[in-house]
Protein backbone atom coordinates (compact mmCIF):
# COMPACT_ATOMS: atom_id res chain seq x y z
CA MET A 1 77.81 63.49 -107.60
CA LYS A 2 77.51 64.06 -103.84
CA LYS A 3 73.72 63.75 -104.06
CA ILE A 4 73.99 60.41 -105.87
CA LYS A 5 76.44 59.16 -103.24
CA LEU A 6 74.12 60.32 -100.44
CA ILE A 7 71.11 58.65 -102.07
CA GLY A 8 73.08 55.42 -102.48
CA LEU A 9 74.17 55.57 -98.84
CA VAL A 10 70.59 56.13 -97.66
CA ILE A 11 69.32 53.25 -99.79
CA ALA A 12 72.08 50.96 -98.46
CA ALA A 13 71.24 51.94 -94.87
CA LEU A 14 67.53 51.26 -95.43
CA ILE A 15 68.29 47.86 -96.95
CA ALA A 16 70.52 47.04 -93.97
CA VAL A 17 67.79 48.04 -91.53
CA PHE A 18 65.19 45.93 -93.32
CA ILE A 19 67.54 42.91 -93.41
CA GLY A 20 68.24 43.42 -89.70
CA ILE A 21 64.53 43.50 -88.89
CA TRP A 22 64.02 40.38 -90.98
CA VAL A 23 66.83 38.52 -89.17
CA VAL A 24 65.43 39.47 -85.75
CA GLN A 25 61.89 38.37 -86.72
CA ASP A 26 63.08 35.04 -88.12
CA ASN A 27 65.18 34.31 -85.02
CA ALA A 28 62.83 35.38 -82.23
CA LEU A 29 63.85 32.81 -79.57
CA GLU A 30 65.14 34.74 -76.57
CA ILE A 31 68.38 33.60 -74.95
CA GLY A 32 70.73 35.01 -72.35
CA ILE A 33 74.42 35.36 -73.07
CA VAL A 34 77.12 35.05 -70.39
CA LEU A 35 80.08 37.28 -71.21
CA LEU A 36 83.18 36.81 -69.05
CA GLY A 37 81.08 35.38 -66.23
CA PHE A 38 78.51 38.16 -66.29
CA PRO A 39 75.00 37.37 -67.53
CA LEU A 40 73.72 39.81 -70.12
CA LEU A 41 70.15 40.62 -71.13
CA GLU A 42 67.83 38.04 -72.59
CA LEU A 43 67.32 39.13 -76.19
CA PRO A 44 66.27 37.37 -79.40
CA ILE A 45 69.00 35.38 -81.12
CA GLY A 46 68.68 37.55 -84.23
CA LEU A 47 69.35 40.68 -82.19
CA TRP A 48 72.41 39.08 -80.59
CA VAL A 49 73.69 38.14 -84.04
CA LEU A 50 73.26 41.74 -85.23
CA VAL A 51 74.90 43.16 -82.10
CA PHE A 52 77.95 40.94 -82.46
CA PHE A 53 78.15 41.56 -86.21
CA LEU A 54 78.05 45.34 -85.76
CA THR A 55 80.60 45.11 -82.93
CA GLY A 56 82.93 43.17 -85.22
CA VAL A 57 82.49 45.67 -88.04
CA ALA A 58 83.22 48.58 -85.68
CA ALA A 59 86.31 46.81 -84.31
CA GLY A 60 87.56 46.11 -87.83
CA VAL A 61 87.11 49.72 -88.88
CA CYS A 62 88.88 50.98 -85.75
CA LEU A 63 91.79 48.60 -86.29
CA CYS A 64 92.17 49.73 -89.91
CA TYR A 65 92.37 53.45 -89.13
CA PRO A 66 96.10 53.52 -88.19
CA THR A 67 96.98 51.91 -91.52
CA ILE A 68 94.74 54.31 -93.42
CA PHE A 69 96.29 57.33 -91.71
CA ALA A 70 99.81 56.05 -92.43
CA LEU A 71 98.97 55.55 -96.11
CA GLN A 72 97.44 59.03 -96.32
CA ARG A 73 100.54 60.55 -94.74
CA ARG A 74 102.79 58.66 -97.17
CA SER A 75 100.61 59.73 -100.09
CA ARG A 76 100.81 63.41 -99.08
CA ALA A 77 104.60 63.15 -98.74
CA THR A 78 104.85 61.54 -102.18
CA ILE A 79 102.66 64.25 -103.73
CA LYS A 80 104.85 66.97 -102.19
CA ARG A 81 108.00 65.24 -103.46
CA LEU A 82 106.53 64.95 -106.96
CA GLN A 83 105.52 68.62 -106.96
CA LYS A 84 109.05 69.58 -105.91
CA MET A 85 110.57 67.44 -108.66
CA ASP A 86 108.13 68.92 -111.20
CA ALA A 87 109.18 72.44 -110.15
CA GLU A 88 112.85 71.49 -110.50
CA LEU A 89 112.19 70.02 -113.94
CA SER A 90 110.35 73.16 -115.06
CA ALA A 91 113.23 75.32 -113.81
CA ALA A 92 115.76 73.13 -115.62
CA ARG A 93 113.78 73.34 -118.87
CA ALA A 94 113.54 77.13 -118.58
CA GLN A 95 117.33 77.60 -118.43
CA PRO A 96 118.98 78.09 -121.79
CA THR A 97 121.44 75.47 -122.90
CA THR A 98 125.02 76.55 -123.51
CA GLU A 99 127.29 74.79 -125.96
C-alpha cells in the first residue's frame, strides 16, 4: 500500500511540474513586481503566478497545522477514554452477579 501511495505521489508531483513548465512557457512576458516598495526580480508572469500560488499553499498548510494538532490531541484523549471505559466494562462483566 505504501508503494502505491508513493507512486501516486510521484506521478502527482510530475504532473504538477509539467503543468508548471507549461504555465511558464505560455506566459513568458517578463515583468517586475514591487512588493512593499521594494522592486523584485524581473521574471516571467507564469513564474510569478507559480511563486505566489506555492506561497499561498504553504501559508495555508502552516495555518492549518495548529488545528490539526489540536484534533489529533483530542482524538488521542478520546481513544484513551474509550479504552478505559472498555476496561471498566470488561471488569464489570467479569464480576459475578449476586441476587
